[in-house]
Every structure is written in structure tokens, then in C-alpha cells.
């Protein structure tokens, strides 16, 4: 069964060359995207009362609270046999900001949920369903731009095992995302907003393999609670 699954995956990759675009279900094969926030991003979060929480099928990596593993659930290949996109459906992060009024002591909590992440390799953007706490969802909203620090390299091993590794860095919020983060988290002031707009938030490291993943990843899209 394992050899048959691997053979099917390899054959699918080859057949994609003649297709305009092909989306491969990767839930039964190994694949993770690790999001690690930078020290500058962590400092920015902490200075403004921010923290992160894993939702859906996202799991924390280590104990720092600033690194997360997202199961890759699908890969899109274009007609040139290039990976055009990859998705982590079902994964989500809750960005939470807690502030205290110095005069009244009143605590205010705001936040924004990023869910069902997608890497668009053509536009070099990280997309996600973006939902302010208590607000409406903007599907596949462009959150970050990125740079390919270590471009995806596919390796083929006998018998018909395919592995891939890449590192994306320089995750910077898009101008539209800066506005959404500011309004959703109650951020203001030129100095703070300039930091939000210019901070490199960290890295995304993708590792894939046609070896079987057991159990298969849950690809049900994450939907925030109303």
C-alpha cells in the first residue's frame, strides 16, 4: 500500500506537466510548514500586549509560544511542473492583544484570527482567511510578502520517494494587512505603525515527502467562532 501510494504521487507529479494546473491532496503524505517568529516580531508583540494562540490543526513547536507547525494539506502544480501554491487548510493562529487602562484599570482584549494559510509562489504572498474578533472574514487575504531564502529543492530517492525543503524569510505585512492589523488590534501612533509595517516577522520552513502520513491531516477549513 505504501509503495502504491508513493508511485501514485510520483506519477501525479509527472502528469501535472501536461495540465494547466493541478491540485494534489497532500493530507496522506508528510508535509509541514513551520512558522517561526523573529526576535523583532516577538519584541513588537510583547511591547504592545500581544500574544499568539494555536487554533485548528496548528501545533506549537517547543515551549516559547512563538513557533508553530502547520500541516500542509494540498499542493498546486502549474503546467510548467512548478509548484504554484501550497495550502495548510485547517490551520489557524489567534493574534490577541490585551491592554489595561491606566486610569480605570479596565482590561480590553482585541484580536484577529488568520486561518487556512496559503503560499502563493507566483505573487510571493502568504494568504489567509482573516477575521477580526467579532468581525467579518476576508477570505484569502494577502497578509505577508516573502523572499525565498532557500528555494524549494525536490529530491528523488529510490524507490520513488520525493522530498522537498525550502525556507522563506523576510515576512513583511502588506500595506492592506497593516491597516487591518491596526484596526483589529487597536494600534495607533506613527512610531508603532511604522514598526508594524517594516518588521520582518520571521520565517516559513516547508518540508514535504511522499512518505505516508498517519493519520492523515484534517483539511477541514477552520472557521472562527462568531
Protein backbone atom coordinates (compact mmCIF):
# COMPACT_ATOMS: atom_id res chain seq x y z
CA UNK A 1 0.00 0.00 0.00
CA UNK A 2 2.83 2.38 0.84
CA UNK A 3 4.64 1.73 -2.46
CA UNK A 4 1.39 2.12 -4.38
CA UNK A 5 0.73 5.49 -2.69
CA UNK A 6 4.24 6.72 -3.43
CA UNK A 7 4.02 5.56 -7.04
CA UNK A 8 0.71 7.36 -7.47
CA UNK A 9 2.16 10.57 -6.02
CA UNK A 10 5.19 10.44 -8.30
CA UNK A 11 3.01 9.72 -11.34
CA UNK A 12 0.74 12.61 -10.40
CA UNK A 13 3.70 14.97 -10.32
CA UNK A 14 4.70 13.89 -13.83
CA UNK A 15 1.18 14.18 -15.22
CA UNK A 16 0.97 17.74 -13.91
CA UNK A 17 3.39 18.79 -16.65
CA UNK A 18 0.64 18.48 -19.23
CA UNK A 19 -2.05 20.15 -17.14
CA UNK A 20 -2.85 23.83 -16.88
CA UNK A 21 -2.94 23.44 -13.09
CA UNK A 22 -3.34 20.50 -10.79
CA UNK A 23 -4.12 20.49 -7.08
CA UNK A 24 -2.78 17.46 -5.23
CA UNK A 25 -4.34 16.40 -1.94
CA UNK A 26 -1.35 16.13 0.40
CA UNK A 27 -3.19 15.10 3.56
CA UNK A 28 -1.99 11.49 3.30
CA UNK A 29 1.63 12.43 2.65
CA UNK A 30 4.10 14.04 5.02
CA UNK A 31 4.28 17.81 4.88
CA UNK A 32 4.66 20.62 7.39
CA UNK A 33 5.08 24.36 7.29
CA UNK A 34 6.87 25.75 10.34
CA UNK A 35 6.22 29.40 11.15
CA UNK A 36 8.90 30.86 13.43
CA UNK A 37 8.52 34.47 14.50
CA UNK A 38 11.62 36.66 14.58
CA UNK A 39 13.06 38.33 17.68
CA UNK A 40 11.97 41.72 16.33
CA UNK A 41 8.42 40.46 15.84
CA UNK A 42 8.35 38.93 19.32
CA UNK A 43 9.54 42.22 20.82
CA UNK A 44 6.85 44.10 18.88
CA UNK A 45 4.14 41.73 20.12
CA UNK A 46 5.30 41.90 23.74
CA UNK A 47 5.68 45.68 23.75
CA UNK A 48 2.05 46.04 22.69
CA UNK A 49 0.48 43.39 24.93
CA UNK A 50 0.28 40.79 22.17
CA UNK A 51 0.47 37.00 22.22
CA UNK A 52 -0.40 34.10 19.91
CA UNK A 53 -2.59 31.03 20.30
CA UNK A 54 -2.67 27.94 18.08
CA UNK A 55 -6.08 27.02 16.67
CA UNK A 56 -7.38 24.25 14.42
CA UNK A 57 -4.71 21.74 13.47
CA UNK A 58 -1.85 24.14 14.28
CA UNK A 59 0.51 22.90 16.98
CA UNK A 60 3.14 24.87 18.95
CA UNK A 61 6.79 23.97 18.36
CA UNK A 62 8.78 23.96 21.59
CA UNK A 63 7.70 25.97 24.61
CA UNK A 64 8.43 29.56 23.58
CA UNK A 65 4.96 30.26 22.19
CA UNK A 66 6.46 31.87 19.08
CA UNK A 67 6.91 28.93 16.70
CA UNK A 68 4.16 26.81 15.14
CA UNK A 69 3.75 23.77 12.90
CA UNK A 70 1.03 23.78 10.22
CA UNK A 71 0.23 20.57 8.30
CA UNK A 72 0.43 21.06 4.53
CA UNK A 73 -2.85 19.78 3.07
CA UNK A 74 -2.55 20.48 -0.66
CA UNK A 75 -0.04 21.46 -3.32
CA UNK A 76 -0.86 23.15 -6.62
CA UNK A 77 1.35 22.48 -9.62
CA UNK A 78 1.15 24.50 -12.83
CA UNK A 79 1.65 23.37 -16.41
CA UNK A 80 5.40 24.01 -16.22
CA UNK A 81 5.74 21.44 -13.45
CA UNK A 82 6.38 24.22 -10.94
CA UNK A 83 4.78 24.37 -7.53
CA UNK A 84 2.49 27.39 -7.78
CA UNK A 85 0.87 27.22 -4.34
CA UNK A 86 0.66 25.23 -1.15
CA UNK A 87 -2.07 25.31 1.46
CA UNK A 88 -2.45 24.50 5.14
CA UNK A 89 -6.22 24.24 5.35
CA UNK A 90 -7.50 23.83 8.90
CA UNK A 91 -4.58 25.68 10.48
CA UNK A 92 -5.13 28.95 12.31
CA UNK A 93 -3.46 31.44 14.63
CA UNK A 94 -5.19 33.81 17.00
CA UNK A 95 -3.31 37.08 17.48
CA UNK A 96 -4.51 38.54 20.78
CA UNK A 97 -3.82 41.96 22.29
CA UNK A 98 -4.59 42.73 25.91
CA UNK A 99 -4.45 46.32 27.17
CA UNK A 100 -5.15 47.89 30.56
CA UNK A 101 -6.47 51.41 31.01
CA UNK A 102 -4.06 53.12 33.41
CA UNK A 103 -6.78 55.28 34.93
CA UNK A 104 -9.66 52.83 35.30
CA UNK A 105 -7.83 49.52 35.31
CA UNK A 106 -10.25 48.24 32.69
CA UNK A 107 -8.90 45.37 30.61
CA UNK A 108 -9.61 45.31 26.88
CA UNK A 109 -8.95 42.31 24.65
CA UNK A 110 -8.84 42.58 20.87
CA UNK A 111 -7.58 40.20 18.23
CA UNK A 112 -7.50 38.80 14.75
CA UNK A 113 -7.59 35.20 13.50
CA UNK A 114 -5.56 34.09 10.50
CA UNK A 115 -6.73 30.74 9.11
CA UNK A 116 -6.31 28.29 6.23
CA UNK A 117 -2.94 29.64 5.15
CA UNK A 118 -1.87 29.52 1.51
CA UNK A 119 1.51 30.23 -0.06
CA UNK A 120 1.17 31.89 -3.46
CA UNK A 121 4.56 31.33 -5.10
CA UNK A 122 3.62 33.32 -8.19
CA UNK A 123 2.75 36.52 -6.32
CA UNK A 124 5.15 35.72 -3.43
CA UNK A 125 2.49 36.29 -0.81
CA UNK A 126 1.12 34.48 2.20
CA UNK A 127 -2.68 34.43 2.07
CA UNK A 128 -5.10 33.58 4.87
CA UNK A 129 -8.76 33.88 5.81
CA UNK A 130 -8.54 36.94 8.04
CA UNK A 131 -11.13 37.59 10.74
CA UNK A 132 -11.04 40.38 13.35
CA UNK A 133 -12.58 39.27 16.64
CA UNK A 134 -16.33 39.72 16.22
CA UNK A 135 -15.93 40.86 12.62
CA UNK A 136 -16.40 39.57 9.11
CA UNK A 137 -13.93 37.25 7.39
CA UNK A 138 -11.90 38.38 4.40
CA UNK A 139 -11.15 35.13 2.53
CA UNK A 140 -7.65 34.54 1.20
CA UNK A 141 -6.46 37.98 2.25
CA UNK A 142 -2.83 38.86 1.39
CA UNK A 143 -1.12 39.02 4.78
CA UNK A 144 2.62 38.86 4.09
CA UNK A 145 5.05 39.15 1.23
CA UNK A 146 8.08 36.84 1.36
CA UNK A 147 11.51 36.11 -0.04
CA UNK A 148 12.79 32.66 -0.99
CA UNK A 149 15.89 32.33 1.19
CA UNK A 150 16.27 28.64 0.31
CA UNK A 151 14.24 27.91 -2.85
CA UNK A 152 12.30 24.67 -2.92
CA UNK A 153 14.54 21.76 -3.87
CA UNK A 154 12.95 18.42 -4.75
CA UNK A 155 14.99 15.24 -4.30
CA UNK A 156 14.13 11.83 -5.67
CA UNK A 157 15.13 8.69 -3.81
CA UNK A 158 14.72 5.03 -4.68
CA UNK A 159 12.05 3.69 -4.72
CA UNK A 160 10.10 6.71 -5.98
CA UNK A 161 10.27 8.80 -2.82
CA UNK A 162 10.14 12.56 -3.34
CA UNK A 163 11.23 15.01 -0.65
CA UNK A 164 11.34 18.79 -0.66
CA UNK A 165 12.71 21.54 1.57
CA UNK A 166 12.59 25.32 1.43
CA UNK A 167 12.92 28.36 3.68
CA UNK A 168 11.04 31.61 3.12
CA UNK A 169 12.10 34.72 5.03
CA UNK A 170 11.51 38.48 5.15
CA UNK A 171 7.83 38.07 6.00
CA UNK A 172 6.54 41.64 5.85
CA UNK A 173 2.92 42.71 6.19
CA UNK A 174 1.28 44.01 3.03
CA UNK A 175 0.04 47.65 3.25
CA UNK A 176 -3.55 46.39 3.41
CA UNK A 177 -2.62 43.98 6.21
CA UNK A 178 -1.03 46.81 8.21
CA UNK A 179 -4.37 48.63 8.10
CA UNK A 180 -6.31 45.50 9.11
CA UNK A 181 -3.94 44.72 11.98
CA UNK A 182 -4.06 48.32 13.19
CA UNK A 183 -7.86 48.48 13.20
CA UNK A 184 -8.35 44.97 14.61
CA UNK A 185 -5.78 45.27 17.39
CA UNK A 186 -6.34 48.93 18.23
CA UNK A 187 -2.83 50.02 17.24
CA UNK A 188 -2.12 53.70 16.68
CA UNK A 189 0.72 56.20 16.54
CA UNK A 190 3.19 56.74 13.73
CA UNK A 191 6.07 55.02 15.53
CA UNK A 192 4.09 51.84 16.26
CA UNK A 193 2.52 51.65 12.83
CA UNK A 194 5.91 52.18 11.17
CA UNK A 195 7.30 49.25 13.16
CA UNK A 196 4.33 47.09 12.19
CA UNK A 197 4.86 47.98 8.53
CA UNK A 198 8.64 47.42 8.44
CA UNK A 199 9.20 44.49 10.81
CA UNK A 200 10.31 41.21 9.26
CA UNK A 201 8.04 38.79 11.11
CA UNK A 202 10.05 35.61 10.71
CA UNK A 203 10.44 32.53 8.54
CA UNK A 204 8.34 29.78 6.99
CA UNK A 205 10.09 26.44 6.51
CA UNK A 206 8.40 23.83 4.33
CA UNK A 207 9.28 20.14 4.37
CA UNK A 208 7.38 17.64 2.23
CA UNK A 209 7.73 13.95 1.47
CA UNK A 210 5.73 11.34 -0.40
CA UNK A 211 6.11 9.03 2.59
CA UNK A 212 2.75 8.24 4.16
CA UNK A 213 1.35 10.45 6.91
CA UNK A 214 -0.63 8.56 9.54
CA UNK A 215 -3.13 9.63 10.50
CA UNK A 216 -3.94 11.82 7.52
CA UNK A 217 -4.11 15.56 8.20
CA UNK A 218 -7.51 17.11 8.74
CA UNK A 219 -8.11 19.57 5.88
CA UNK A 220 -11.46 20.91 7.06
CA UNK A 221 -11.19 24.71 6.79
CA UNK A 222 -11.00 26.48 10.14
CA UNK A 223 -13.93 28.81 10.82
CA UNK A 224 -13.64 31.18 13.81
CA UNK A 225 -16.44 31.15 16.37
CA UNK A 226 -18.87 34.07 15.95
